[in-house]
Amino acid sequence: MLQLEKRIDQNVAVARELIVVQKKDRALLALKRKKLSENQLQNIQAYLMNVEDMLSNMELTKQQSNVMNALNQGNEALKKAQQGMPLDDIQRLMDESAEAKEYQVVAGSTSLLLQYTSAVMSGSLTSMHLQHCMPVSMCAAKTISMGHKQYR
């Protein structure tokens, strides 16, 4: 490209010199060579742009291919992991966990109710019992009156 730019500049300089010495035909010929060099330069620049676009597209395609491969590998790993965990087993574990949490709430409330009842019966009811045990005991009594589930 640099050579073409120099050739263009040389043709312009030659054309000016030829005009000064009154050789219009040769000056026109130098300007035609200048125009030809400019066209060649434009074509080369267009080719370079095409090559740069192709390189960019190739890089993008490579990156997209890497992403697709990673997604496929992740999908396969997820499928393998899911095969080891049947949905029924997961649902059963979640149900058992929920039942265990509910049992802890009922058992804890029942324990506080027993403490409150014992304090009332022994006559050692304190402000601590009234603040902490009373509200929980009422909830426990409500829970117990609603009936217990069968826990494993």
C-alpha atoms as a PDB file:
ATOM      1  CA  MET A   1       0.000   0.000   0.000  1.00  0.00           C
ATOM      2  CA  LEU A   2       2.786   2.340   0.830  1.00  0.00           C
ATOM      3  CA  GLN A   3       4.304   1.760  -2.617  1.00  0.00           C
ATOM      4  CA  LEU A   4       1.012   2.588  -4.308  1.00  0.00           C
ATOM      5  CA  GLU A   5       0.700   5.794  -2.293  1.00  0.00           C
ATOM      6  CA  LYS A   6       4.227   6.774  -3.344  1.00  0.00           C
ATOM      7  CA  ARG A   7       3.427   5.933  -6.966  1.00  0.00           C
ATOM      8  CA  ILE A   8       0.300   8.120  -6.780  1.00  0.00           C
ATOM      9  CA  ASP A   9       2.329  11.031  -5.391  1.00  0.00           C
ATOM     10  CA  GLN A  10       5.010  10.526  -8.085  1.00  0.00           C
ATOM     11  CA  ASN A  11       2.398  10.529 -10.873  1.00  0.00           C
ATOM     12  CA  VAL A  12       0.939  13.782  -9.546  1.00  0.00           C
ATOM     13  CA  ALA A  13       4.419  15.374  -9.402  1.00  0.00           C
ATOM     14  CA  VAL A  14       5.249  14.162 -12.923  1.00  0.00           C
ATOM     15  CA  ALA A  15       1.933  15.498 -14.264  1.00  0.00           C
ATOM     16  CA  ARG A  16       2.629  18.937 -12.752  1.00  0.00           C
ATOM     17  CA  GLU A  17       6.113  19.029 -14.261  1.00  0.00           C
ATOM     18  CA  LEU A  18       4.780  18.015 -17.666  1.00  0.00           C
ATOM     19  CA  ILE A  19       2.126  20.727 -17.570  1.00  0.00           C
ATOM     20  CA  VAL A  20       4.787  23.296 -16.778  1.00  0.00           C
ATOM     21  CA  VAL A  21       6.768  22.232 -19.879  1.00  0.00           C
ATOM     22  CA  GLN A  22       3.596  22.218 -22.006  1.00  0.00           C
ATOM     23  CA  LYS A  23       3.294  18.449 -22.499  1.00  0.00           C
ATOM     24  CA  LYS A  24      -0.382  17.952 -21.844  1.00  0.00           C
ATOM     25  CA  ASP A  25      -0.657  14.521 -23.481  1.00  0.00           C
ATOM     26  CA  ARG A  26       2.031  13.057 -21.273  1.00  0.00           C
ATOM     27  CA  ALA A  27       0.575  14.859 -18.219  1.00  0.00           C
ATOM     28  CA  LEU A  28      -2.816  13.232 -18.946  1.00  0.00           C
ATOM     29  CA  LEU A  29      -1.084   9.850 -19.193  1.00  0.00           C
ATOM     30  CA  ALA A  30       0.541  10.408 -15.773  1.00  0.00           C
ATOM     31  CA  LEU A  31      -2.875  11.336 -14.308  1.00  0.00           C
ATOM     32  CA  LYS A  32      -4.389   8.156 -15.810  1.00  0.00           C
ATOM     33  CA  ARG A  33      -1.625   6.111 -14.146  1.00  0.00           C
ATOM     34  CA  LYS A  34      -2.412   7.977 -10.913  1.00  0.00           C
ATOM     35  CA  LYS A  35      -6.103   7.045 -11.259  1.00  0.00           C
ATOM     36  CA  LEU A  36      -5.162   3.410 -11.952  1.00  0.00           C
ATOM     37  CA  SER A  37      -2.962   3.346  -8.834  1.00  0.00           C
ATOM     38  CA  GLU A  38      -5.787   4.868  -6.753  1.00  0.00           C
ATOM     39  CA  ASN A  39      -8.168   2.159  -7.986  1.00  0.00           C
ATOM     40  CA  GLN A  40      -5.622  -0.536  -7.126  1.00  0.00           C
ATOM     41  CA  LEU A  41      -5.228   0.976  -3.665  1.00  0.00           C
ATOM     42  CA  GLN A  42      -9.004   0.980  -3.124  1.00  0.00           C
ATOM     43  CA  ASN A  43      -9.227  -2.650  -4.262  1.00  0.00           C
ATOM     44  CA  ILE A  44      -6.425  -3.684  -1.914  1.00  0.00           C
ATOM     45  CA  GLN A  45      -8.095  -1.857   0.977  1.00  0.00           C
ATOM     46  CA  ALA A  46     -11.379  -3.618   0.185  1.00  0.00           C
ATOM     47  CA  TYR A  47      -9.583  -6.989   0.129  1.00  0.00           C
ATOM     48  CA  LEU A  48      -7.974  -6.212   3.469  1.00  0.00           C
ATOM     49  CA  MET A  49     -11.363  -5.324   4.959  1.00  0.00           C
ATOM     50  CA  ASN A  50     -12.785  -8.621   3.674  1.00  0.00           C
ATOM     51  CA  VAL A  51      -9.884 -10.562   5.194  1.00  0.00           C
ATOM     52  CA  GLU A  52     -10.312  -8.758   8.520  1.00  0.00           C
ATOM     53  CA  ASP A  53     -14.049  -9.515   8.465  1.00  0.00           C
ATOM     54  CA  MET A  54     -13.361 -13.182   7.724  1.00  0.00           C
ATOM     55  CA  LEU A  55     -10.845 -13.372  10.577  1.00  0.00           C
ATOM     56  CA  SER A  56     -13.313 -11.723  12.915  1.00  0.00           C
ATOM     57  CA  ASN A  57     -16.073 -14.128  11.834  1.00  0.00           C
ATOM     58  CA  MET A  58     -13.749 -17.100  12.303  1.00  0.00           C
ATOM     59  CA  GLU A  59     -12.896 -15.960  15.829  1.00  0.00           C
ATOM     60  CA  LEU A  60     -16.559 -15.421  16.653  1.00  0.00           C
ATOM     61  CA  THR A  61     -17.426 -18.866  15.291  1.00  0.00           C
ATOM     62  CA  LYS A  62     -14.660 -20.412  17.379  1.00  0.00           C
ATOM     63  CA  GLN A  63     -15.968 -18.695  20.509  1.00  0.00           C
ATOM     64  CA  GLN A  64     -19.532 -19.789  19.742  1.00  0.00           C
ATOM     65  CA  SER A  65     -18.297 -23.349  19.242  1.00  0.00           C
ATOM     66  CA  ASN A  66     -16.552 -23.245  22.626  1.00  0.00           C
ATOM     67  CA  VAL A  67     -19.723 -21.977  24.290  1.00  0.00           C
ATOM     68  CA  MET A  68     -21.797 -24.707  22.626  1.00  0.00           C
ATOM     69  CA  ASN A  69     -19.333 -27.392  23.732  1.00  0.00           C
ATOM     70  CA  ALA A  70     -19.408 -26.086  27.305  1.00  0.00           C
ATOM     71  CA  LEU A  71     -23.219 -26.040  27.282  1.00  0.00           C
ATOM     72  CA  ASN A  72     -23.323 -29.605  25.963  1.00  0.00           C
ATOM     73  CA  GLN A  73     -20.870 -30.790  28.610  1.00  0.00           C
ATOM     74  CA  GLY A  74     -22.864 -29.054  31.328  1.00  0.00           C
ATOM     75  CA  ASN A  75     -26.080 -30.572  30.026  1.00  0.00           C
ATOM     76  CA  GLU A  76     -24.543 -34.074  29.992  1.00  0.00           C
ATOM     77  CA  ALA A  77     -23.207 -33.626  33.541  1.00  0.00           C
ATOM     78  CA  LEU A  78     -26.630 -32.460  34.695  1.00  0.00           C
ATOM     79  CA  LYS A  79     -28.301 -35.486  33.085  1.00  0.00           C
ATOM     80  CA  LYS A  80     -25.844 -37.845  34.813  1.00  0.00           C
ATOM     81  CA  ALA A  81     -26.434 -36.133  38.155  1.00  0.00           C
ATOM     82  CA  GLN A  82     -30.196 -36.345  37.698  1.00  0.00           C
ATOM     83  CA  GLN A  83     -30.000 -40.050  36.891  1.00  0.00           C
ATOM     84  CA  GLY A  84     -28.472 -40.608  40.312  1.00  0.00           C
ATOM     85  CA  MET A  85     -31.339 -38.740  41.991  1.00  0.00           C
ATOM     86  CA  PRO A  86     -34.788 -40.032  41.027  1.00  0.00           C
ATOM     87  CA  LEU A  87     -37.511 -37.430  41.440  1.00  0.00           C
ATOM     88  CA  ASP A  88     -39.523 -39.655  43.787  1.00  0.00           C
ATOM     89  CA  ASP A  89     -36.561 -39.938  46.164  1.00  0.00           C
ATOM     90  CA  ILE A  90     -36.071 -36.178  46.178  1.00  0.00           C
ATOM     91  CA  GLN A  91     -39.761 -35.588  46.908  1.00  0.00           C
ATOM     92  CA  ARG A  92     -39.695 -38.187  49.705  1.00  0.00           C
ATOM     93  CA  LEU A  93     -36.628 -36.527  51.288  1.00  0.00           C
ATOM     94  CA  MET A  94     -38.253 -33.095  51.112  1.00  0.00           C
ATOM     95  CA  ASP A  95     -41.433 -34.458  52.725  1.00  0.00           C
ATOM     96  CA  GLU A  96     -39.453 -36.152  55.500  1.00  0.00           C
ATOM     97  CA  SER A  97     -37.485 -32.973  56.119  1.00  0.00           C
ATOM     98  CA  ALA A  98     -40.676 -30.908  56.373  1.00  0.00           C
ATOM     99  CA  GLU A  99     -42.207 -33.451  58.767  1.00  0.00           C
ATOM    100  CA  ALA A 100     -39.071 -33.430  60.927  1.00  0.00           C
ATOM    101  CA  LYS A 101     -39.162 -29.628  61.137  1.00  0.00           C
ATOM    102  CA  GLU A 102     -42.842 -29.695  62.065  1.00  0.00           C
ATOM    103  CA  TYR A 103     -42.174 -32.346  64.713  1.00  0.00           C
ATOM    104  CA  GLN A 104     -39.445 -30.153  66.236  1.00  0.00           C
ATOM    105  CA  VAL A 105     -41.846 -27.220  66.460  1.00  0.00           C
ATOM    106  CA  VAL A 106     -44.537 -29.338  68.116  1.00  0.00           C
ATOM    107  CA  ALA A 107     -42.055 -31.054  70.437  1.00  0.00           C
ATOM    108  CA  GLY A 108     -40.488 -27.716  71.429  1.00  0.00           C
ATOM    109  CA  SER A 109     -43.884 -26.157  72.028  1.00  0.00           C
ATOM    110  CA  THR A 110     -45.004 -29.162  74.075  1.00  0.00           C
ATOM    111  CA  SER A 111     -41.850 -28.922  76.192  1.00  0.00           C
ATOM    112  CA  LEU A 112     -42.501 -25.237  76.911  1.00  0.00           C
ATOM    113  CA  LEU A 113     -46.137 -26.012  77.696  1.00  0.00           C
ATOM    114  CA  LEU A 114     -44.998 -28.635  80.190  1.00  0.00           C
ATOM    115  CA  GLN A 115     -42.605 -26.149  81.802  1.00  0.00           C
ATOM    116  CA  TYR A 116     -45.347 -23.556  82.048  1.00  0.00           C
ATOM    117  CA  THR A 117     -47.831 -26.063  83.475  1.00  0.00           C
ATOM    118  CA  SER A 118     -45.274 -27.307  85.987  1.00  0.00           C
ATOM    119  CA  ALA A 119     -44.480 -23.752  87.077  1.00  0.00           C
ATOM    120  CA  VAL A 120     -48.194 -22.977  87.514  1.00  0.00           C
ATOM    121  CA  MET A 121     -48.811 -26.150  89.528  1.00  0.00           C
ATOM    122  CA  SER A 122     -45.778 -25.701  91.746  1.00  0.00           C
ATOM    123  CA  GLY A 123     -46.581 -22.045  92.333  1.00  0.00           C
ATOM    124  CA  SER A 124     -43.201 -20.905  91.023  1.00  0.00           C
ATOM    125  CA  LEU A 125     -44.531 -18.960  88.067  1.00  0.00           C
ATOM    126  CA  THR A 126     -42.144 -16.106  87.231  1.00  0.00           C
ATOM    127  CA  SER A 127     -42.253 -13.147  84.882  1.00  0.00           C
ATOM    128  CA  MET A 128     -39.886 -15.104  82.605  1.00  0.00           C
ATOM    129  CA  HIS A 129     -42.524 -17.820  82.260  1.00  0.00           C
ATOM    130  CA  LEU A 130     -45.144 -15.231  81.458  1.00  0.00           C
ATOM    131  CA  GLN A 131     -42.979 -13.514  78.827  1.00  0.00           C
ATOM    132  CA  HIS A 132     -41.524 -16.567  77.114  1.00  0.00           C
ATOM    133  CA  CYS A 133     -43.576 -19.619  77.890  1.00  0.00           C
ATOM    134  CA  MET A 134     -47.085 -18.214  77.859  1.00  0.00           C
ATOM    135  CA  PRO A 135     -47.300 -17.172  74.179  1.00  0.00           C
ATOM    136  CA  VAL A 136     -45.507 -20.302  72.993  1.00  0.00           C
ATOM    137  CA  SER A 137     -47.584 -22.475  75.308  1.00  0.00           C
ATOM    138  CA  MET A 138     -50.793 -21.104  73.867  1.00  0.00           C
ATOM    139  CA  CYS A 139     -49.534 -21.877  70.374  1.00  0.00           C
ATOM    140  CA  ALA A 140     -48.481 -25.341  71.508  1.00  0.00           C
ATOM    141  CA  ALA A 141     -51.850 -25.955  73.091  1.00  0.00           C
ATOM    142  CA  LYS A 142     -53.521 -24.925  69.848  1.00  0.00           C
ATOM    143  CA  THR A 143     -51.198 -27.178  67.850  1.00  0.00           C
ATOM    144  CA  ILE A 144     -51.788 -30.120  70.186  1.00  0.00           C
ATOM    145  CA  SER A 145     -55.557 -29.615  70.133  1.00  0.00           C
ATOM    146  CA  MET A 146     -55.481 -29.770  66.321  1.00  0.00           C
ATOM    147  CA  GLY A 147     -54.059 -33.298  66.550  1.00  0.00           C
ATOM    148  CA  HIS A 148     -50.689 -34.887  65.951  1.00  0.00           C
ATOM    149  CA  LYS A 149     -49.408 -36.418  62.756  1.00  0.00           C
ATOM    150  CA  GLN A 150     -47.785 -39.807  62.866  1.00  0.00           C
ATOM    151  CA  TYR A 151     -44.009 -39.221  62.889  1.00  0.00           C
ATOM    152  CA  ARG A 152     -41.436 -41.820  61.889  1.00  0.00           C
END
